[in-house]
Amino acid sequence: ALPISLLENYDFVSLSGGVSKGKFDYVPQVLATLGVEKLFHRVQQKPGKPFWFGVQPAKVRSGQTSKTPNNPTVVFALPGNPVSTFMCTQRYVQPWLRACLGLEPLHFPYAILEEDFTFPAPLTYFLQVKTRYGTDGKLYARPVVGKGSGDLANLNEVDGFLELPAAQSSFQRGEAFRLLRFRE
């Protein structure tokens, strides 16, 4: 069980696993029991669909040991599969932390898809890609298909995720999409 002291002593908690629909996925129920308000659970994306996000209002916290007692505790409960956890950290947690620290927002450039790709809508798909700069100075992204959200080794072969919009299912070579780059 999640110790309540984590919620009392920290302004930010990040968890991984236990948020899907399996019989051992208790995190959402435990957080609710501890007074954490769910803002959303499950997003229309792959990988990372079970992603959970919520806050424990400041009035629920004891405030005795917190460094900032007037702020809520923010809770990111990420899916347990390693690619899902990593992608959600890149897309949601890291930009949020940067904003909280007053740092410049992350720049998500656009990259040109080098191969046709299809994925059934209506999910936003974060396609693992290897990037390169062409002789024209443009950023290109080549899909590197792995074995799903449990394929941690595949992340070693890629530079980022190309964010393919949920509104379409067929993506053509030459189209540009936002790139969540984690490696130069």
C-alpha atoms as a PDB file:
ATOM      1  CA  ALA A   1       0.000   0.000   0.000  1.00  0.00           C
ATOM      2  CA  LEU A   2       1.076   3.578  -0.671  1.00  0.00           C
ATOM      3  CA  PRO A   3       2.223   5.142   2.611  1.00  0.00           C
ATOM      4  CA  ILE A   4       0.166   8.234   3.352  1.00  0.00           C
ATOM      5  CA  SER A   5       3.366   9.978   4.460  1.00  0.00           C
ATOM      6  CA  LEU A   6       4.380  10.195   0.781  1.00  0.00           C
ATOM      7  CA  LEU A   7       1.325  12.303   0.105  1.00  0.00           C
ATOM      8  CA  GLU A   8       1.874  14.382   3.239  1.00  0.00           C
ATOM      9  CA  ASN A   9       5.588  15.017   2.749  1.00  0.00           C
ATOM     10  CA  TYR A  10       5.931  15.523  -0.979  1.00  0.00           C
ATOM     11  CA  ASP A  11       4.380  17.868  -3.509  1.00  0.00           C
ATOM     12  CA  PHE A  12       4.829  15.382  -6.353  1.00  0.00           C
ATOM     13  CA  VAL A  13       4.517  11.596  -6.460  1.00  0.00           C
ATOM     14  CA  SER A  14       5.126   9.425  -9.518  1.00  0.00           C
ATOM     15  CA  LEU A  15       4.097   5.775  -9.531  1.00  0.00           C
ATOM     16  CA  SER A  16       4.531   3.091 -12.157  1.00  0.00           C
ATOM     17  CA  GLY A  17       2.252   0.090 -12.553  1.00  0.00           C
ATOM     18  CA  GLY A  18      -1.029  -1.027 -11.071  1.00  0.00           C
ATOM     19  CA  VAL A  19      -3.257   1.401 -13.019  1.00  0.00           C
ATOM     20  CA  SER A  20      -4.672  -0.790 -15.776  1.00  0.00           C
ATOM     21  CA  LYS A  21      -7.736  -3.069 -15.616  1.00  0.00           C
ATOM     22  CA  GLY A  22      -6.069  -6.223 -14.280  1.00  0.00           C
ATOM     23  CA  LYS A  23      -7.160  -7.958 -11.096  1.00  0.00           C
ATOM     24  CA  PHE A  24      -4.036  -6.687  -9.274  1.00  0.00           C
ATOM     25  CA  ASP A  25      -4.277  -3.070 -10.457  1.00  0.00           C
ATOM     26  CA  TYR A  26      -5.214  -1.405  -7.170  1.00  0.00           C
ATOM     27  CA  VAL A  27      -3.497   1.975  -7.468  1.00  0.00           C
ATOM     28  CA  PRO A  28      -6.574   4.023  -8.497  1.00  0.00           C
ATOM     29  CA  GLN A  29      -8.642   2.608  -5.608  1.00  0.00           C
ATOM     30  CA  VAL A  30      -5.839   3.133  -3.072  1.00  0.00           C
ATOM     31  CA  LEU A  31      -5.322   6.728  -4.204  1.00  0.00           C
ATOM     32  CA  ALA A  32      -9.062   7.410  -3.924  1.00  0.00           C
ATOM     33  CA  THR A  33      -9.074   5.962  -0.401  1.00  0.00           C
ATOM     34  CA  LEU A  34      -6.211   8.304   0.506  1.00  0.00           C
ATOM     35  CA  GLY A  35      -8.158  11.348  -0.702  1.00  0.00           C
ATOM     36  CA  VAL A  36      -6.425  11.838  -4.036  1.00  0.00           C
ATOM     37  CA  GLU A  37      -8.857  13.307  -6.558  1.00  0.00           C
ATOM     38  CA  LYS A  38      -8.686  11.653  -9.963  1.00  0.00           C
ATOM     39  CA  LEU A  39      -8.537  14.254 -12.733  1.00  0.00           C
ATOM     40  CA  PHE A  40      -8.353  11.626 -15.465  1.00  0.00           C
ATOM     41  CA  HIS A  41      -7.683   7.925 -15.965  1.00  0.00           C
ATOM     42  CA  ARG A  42      -7.051   6.346 -19.359  1.00  0.00           C
ATOM     43  CA  VAL A  43      -6.097   8.398 -22.361  1.00  0.00           C
ATOM     44  CA  GLN A  44      -6.711   7.614 -26.009  1.00  0.00           C
ATOM     45  CA  GLN A  45      -3.119   6.827 -26.884  1.00  0.00           C
ATOM     46  CA  LYS A  46      -0.722   3.966 -27.396  1.00  0.00           C
ATOM     47  CA  PRO A  47       1.499   3.230 -25.587  1.00  0.00           C
ATOM     48  CA  GLY A  48       0.371   4.526 -22.220  1.00  0.00           C
ATOM     49  CA  LYS A  49      -3.410   4.255 -22.357  1.00  0.00           C
ATOM     50  CA  PRO A  50      -3.902   3.405 -18.628  1.00  0.00           C
ATOM     51  CA  PHE A  51      -2.171   6.663 -17.525  1.00  0.00           C
ATOM     52  CA  TRP A  52      -3.758   8.127 -14.330  1.00  0.00           C
ATOM     53  CA  PHE A  53      -3.408  11.685 -13.026  1.00  0.00           C
ATOM     54  CA  GLY A  54      -4.756  13.356  -9.912  1.00  0.00           C
ATOM     55  CA  VAL A  55      -4.200  15.693  -6.987  1.00  0.00           C
ATOM     56  CA  GLN A  56      -4.638  15.525  -3.259  1.00  0.00           C
ATOM     57  CA  PRO A  57      -6.014  18.931  -2.271  1.00  0.00           C
ATOM     58  CA  ALA A  58      -3.921  20.876   0.232  1.00  0.00           C
ATOM     59  CA  LYS A  59      -6.756  20.861   2.771  1.00  0.00           C
ATOM     60  CA  VAL A  60      -6.479  17.062   2.996  1.00  0.00           C
ATOM     61  CA  ARG A  61      -2.750  17.197   3.702  1.00  0.00           C
ATOM     62  CA  SER A  62      -1.516  17.697   7.216  1.00  0.00           C
ATOM     63  CA  GLY A  63       0.817  20.484   6.105  1.00  0.00           C
ATOM     64  CA  GLN A  64       3.025  19.747   9.104  1.00  0.00           C
ATOM     65  CA  THR A  65       5.991  18.400   7.156  1.00  0.00           C
ATOM     66  CA  SER A  66       5.349  19.606   3.614  1.00  0.00           C
ATOM     67  CA  LYS A  67       7.678  22.255   2.258  1.00  0.00           C
ATOM     68  CA  THR A  68       4.736  23.951   0.526  1.00  0.00           C
ATOM     69  CA  PRO A  69       1.597  23.221   2.575  1.00  0.00           C
ATOM     70  CA  ASN A  70      -0.715  25.354   0.410  1.00  0.00           C
ATOM     71  CA  ASN A  71      -0.076  23.329  -2.737  1.00  0.00           C
ATOM     72  CA  PRO A  72      -1.799  20.086  -3.579  1.00  0.00           C
ATOM     73  CA  THR A  73       0.170  16.876  -3.973  1.00  0.00           C
ATOM     74  CA  VAL A  74       0.273  16.036  -7.667  1.00  0.00           C
ATOM     75  CA  VAL A  75       0.187  12.332  -8.512  1.00  0.00           C
ATOM     76  CA  PHE A  76       1.208  10.791 -11.829  1.00  0.00           C
ATOM     77  CA  ALA A  77       0.370   7.069 -11.892  1.00  0.00           C
ATOM     78  CA  LEU A  78       1.973   5.698 -15.028  1.00  0.00           C
ATOM     79  CA  PRO A  79       1.389   2.338 -16.708  1.00  0.00           C
ATOM     80  CA  GLY A  80       3.757  -0.443 -15.665  1.00  0.00           C
ATOM     81  CA  ASN A  81       5.078  -1.469 -19.057  1.00  0.00           C
ATOM     82  CA  PRO A  82       8.499   0.158 -19.497  1.00  0.00           C
ATOM     83  CA  VAL A  83       7.907   1.784 -22.901  1.00  0.00           C
ATOM     84  CA  SER A  84       4.578   3.192 -21.679  1.00  0.00           C
ATOM     85  CA  THR A  85       6.150   4.550 -18.505  1.00  0.00           C
ATOM     86  CA  PHE A  86       9.060   6.080 -20.394  1.00  0.00           C
ATOM     87  CA  MET A  87       6.861   7.666 -23.071  1.00  0.00           C
ATOM     88  CA  CYS A  88       4.408   9.146 -20.527  1.00  0.00           C
ATOM     89  CA  THR A  89       7.351  10.546 -18.559  1.00  0.00           C
ATOM     90  CA  GLN A  90       8.696  12.205 -21.710  1.00  0.00           C
ATOM     91  CA  ARG A  91       5.321  13.538 -22.861  1.00  0.00           C
ATOM     92  CA  TYR A  92       3.663  14.576 -19.583  1.00  0.00           C
ATOM     93  CA  VAL A  93       5.830  14.387 -16.455  1.00  0.00           C
ATOM     94  CA  GLN A  94       8.982  16.064 -17.738  1.00  0.00           C
ATOM     95  CA  PRO A  95       7.167  19.076 -19.304  1.00  0.00           C
ATOM     96  CA  TRP A  96       5.107  19.492 -16.098  1.00  0.00           C
ATOM     97  CA  LEU A  97       8.224  19.423 -13.905  1.00  0.00           C
ATOM     98  CA  ARG A  98       9.968  21.974 -16.129  1.00  0.00           C
ATOM     99  CA  ALA A  99       6.957  24.290 -15.899  1.00  0.00           C
ATOM    100  CA  CYS A 100       6.882  23.937 -12.099  1.00  0.00           C
ATOM    101  CA  LEU A 101      10.552  24.836 -11.896  1.00  0.00           C
ATOM    102  CA  GLY A 102      10.119  27.872 -14.135  1.00  0.00           C
ATOM    103  CA  LEU A 103      12.350  26.389 -16.836  1.00  0.00           C
ATOM    104  CA  GLU A 104      11.902  26.944 -20.538  1.00  0.00           C
ATOM    105  CA  PRO A 105       9.324  24.565 -22.031  1.00  0.00           C
ATOM    106  CA  LEU A 106      10.661  21.600 -23.932  1.00  0.00           C
ATOM    107  CA  HIS A 107      10.844  22.152 -27.657  1.00  0.00           C
ATOM    108  CA  PHE A 108       9.120  19.407 -29.619  1.00  0.00           C
ATOM    109  CA  PRO A 109      10.317  19.789 -33.214  1.00  0.00           C
ATOM    110  CA  TYR A 110       8.565  18.310 -36.202  1.00  0.00           C
ATOM    111  CA  ALA A 111      10.156  15.455 -38.132  1.00  0.00           C
ATOM    112  CA  ILE A 112       9.313  14.100 -41.555  1.00  0.00           C
ATOM    113  CA  LEU A 113       8.139  10.493 -41.688  1.00  0.00           C
ATOM    114  CA  GLU A 114      10.425   8.444 -43.965  1.00  0.00           C
ATOM    115  CA  GLU A 115       8.108   5.460 -44.478  1.00  0.00           C
ATOM    116  CA  ASP A 116       4.365   4.985 -44.785  1.00  0.00           C
ATOM    117  CA  PHE A 117       2.797   3.785 -41.534  1.00  0.00           C
ATOM    118  CA  THR A 118      -0.717   2.701 -40.546  1.00  0.00           C
ATOM    119  CA  PHE A 119      -2.282   2.459 -37.131  1.00  0.00           C
ATOM    120  CA  PRO A 120      -6.002   2.081 -36.390  1.00  0.00           C
ATOM    121  CA  ALA A 121      -7.692   5.260 -35.162  1.00  0.00           C
ATOM    122  CA  PRO A 122      -8.928   6.687 -32.801  1.00  0.00           C
ATOM    123  CA  LEU A 123      -5.767   6.472 -30.688  1.00  0.00           C
ATOM    124  CA  THR A 124      -2.862   8.894 -30.731  1.00  0.00           C
ATOM    125  CA  TYR A 125       0.111   6.698 -31.501  1.00  0.00           C
ATOM    126  CA  PHE A 126       3.624   7.401 -30.266  1.00  0.00           C
ATOM    127  CA  LEU A 127       5.739   5.740 -32.920  1.00  0.00           C
ATOM    128  CA  GLN A 128       9.303   4.855 -31.948  1.00  0.00           C
ATOM    129  CA  VAL A 129      11.670   6.371 -34.498  1.00  0.00           C
ATOM    130  CA  LYS A 130      15.328   6.779 -35.396  1.00  0.00           C
ATOM    131  CA  THR A 131      16.069  10.339 -36.511  1.00  0.00           C
ATOM    132  CA  ARG A 132      18.565  11.942 -38.860  1.00  0.00           C
ATOM    133  CA  TYR A 133      19.147  15.269 -40.557  1.00  0.00           C
ATOM    134  CA  GLY A 134      18.989  15.145 -44.341  1.00  0.00           C
ATOM    135  CA  THR A 135      21.301  17.025 -46.697  1.00  0.00           C
ATOM    136  CA  ASP A 136      18.421  19.503 -47.016  1.00  0.00           C
ATOM    137  CA  GLY A 137      18.776  20.340 -43.284  1.00  0.00           C
ATOM    138  CA  LYS A 138      15.378  18.823 -42.435  1.00  0.00           C
ATOM    139  CA  LEU A 139      14.796  16.347 -39.603  1.00  0.00           C
ATOM    140  CA  TYR A 140      13.633  12.885 -40.722  1.00  0.00           C
ATOM    141  CA  ALA A 141      12.183  10.007 -38.700  1.00  0.00           C
ATOM    142  CA  ARG A 142      12.326   6.322 -39.651  1.00  0.00           C
ATOM    143  CA  PRO A 143       9.966   3.942 -37.776  1.00  0.00           C
ATOM    144  CA  VAL A 144      11.615   1.274 -35.639  1.00  0.00           C
ATOM    145  CA  VAL A 145       8.884  -1.178 -34.763  1.00  0.00           C
ATOM    146  CA  GLY A 146       9.413  -3.099 -31.530  1.00  0.00           C
ATOM    147  CA  LYS A 147       7.527  -5.836 -29.764  1.00  0.00           C
ATOM    148  CA  GLY A 148       5.098  -3.637 -27.862  1.00  0.00           C
ATOM    149  CA  SER A 149       5.092  -1.599 -24.677  1.00  0.00           C
ATOM    150  CA  GLY A 150       7.122  -4.210 -22.796  1.00  0.00           C
ATOM    151  CA  ASP A 151      10.041  -4.033 -25.246  1.00  0.00           C
ATOM    152  CA  LEU A 152      12.450  -1.905 -23.223  1.00  0.00           C
ATOM    153  CA  ALA A 153      15.429  -2.968 -25.375  1.00  0.00           C
ATOM    154  CA  ASN A 154      13.858  -1.303 -28.428  1.00  0.00           C
ATOM    155  CA  LEU A 155      14.217   2.105 -26.746  1.00  0.00           C
ATOM    156  CA  ASN A 156      17.985   1.668 -27.086  1.00  0.00           C
ATOM    157  CA  GLU A 157      17.579   1.669 -30.873  1.00  0.00           C
ATOM    158  CA  VAL A 158      15.478   4.830 -31.185  1.00  0.00           C
ATOM    159  CA  ASP A 159      15.844   8.566 -30.634  1.00  0.00           C
ATOM    160  CA  GLY A 160      12.272   9.513 -29.843  1.00  0.00           C
ATOM    161  CA  PHE A 161       8.560   9.132 -30.422  1.00  0.00           C
ATOM    162  CA  LEU A 162       6.717  10.597 -33.373  1.00  0.00           C
ATOM    163  CA  GLU A 163       3.277  11.731 -32.144  1.00  0.00           C
ATOM    164  CA  LEU A 164       0.774  10.500 -34.734  1.00  0.00           C
ATOM    165  CA  PRO A 165      -2.682  12.108 -34.323  1.00  0.00           C
ATOM    166  CA  ALA A 166      -5.755  10.073 -33.435  1.00  0.00           C
ATOM    167  CA  ALA A 167      -7.821  11.634 -36.230  1.00  0.00           C
ATOM    168  CA  GLN A 168      -6.135   9.579 -38.923  1.00  0.00           C
ATOM    169  CA  SER A 169      -4.985   6.001 -39.333  1.00  0.00           C
ATOM    170  CA  SER A 170      -2.805   6.198 -42.426  1.00  0.00           C
ATOM    171  CA  PHE A 171       0.396   8.221 -42.306  1.00  0.00           C
ATOM    172  CA  GLN A 172       2.267   8.925 -45.502  1.00  0.00           C
ATOM    173  CA  ARG A 173       5.955   9.243 -46.155  1.00  0.00           C
ATOM    174  CA  GLY A 174       6.821  12.954 -46.319  1.00  0.00           C
ATOM    175  CA  GLU A 175       4.269  14.087 -43.701  1.00  0.00           C
ATOM    176  CA  ALA A 176       5.652  15.946 -40.669  1.00  0.00           C
ATOM    177  CA  PHE A 177       4.640  15.200 -37.089  1.00  0.00           C
ATOM    178  CA  ARG A 178       5.692  16.371 -33.639  1.00  0.00           C
ATOM    179  CA  LEU A 179       8.749  14.566 -32.297  1.00  0.00           C
ATOM    180  CA  LEU A 180       9.341  13.795 -28.617  1.00  0.00           C
ATOM    181  CA  ARG A 181      13.091  13.414 -28.874  1.00  0.00           C
ATOM    182  CA  PHE A 182      14.976  11.984 -25.928  1.00  0.00           C
ATOM    183  CA  ARG A 183      18.277  11.353 -27.689  1.00  0.00           C
ATOM    184  CA  GLU A 184      20.189  13.603 -30.078  1.00  0.00           C
END
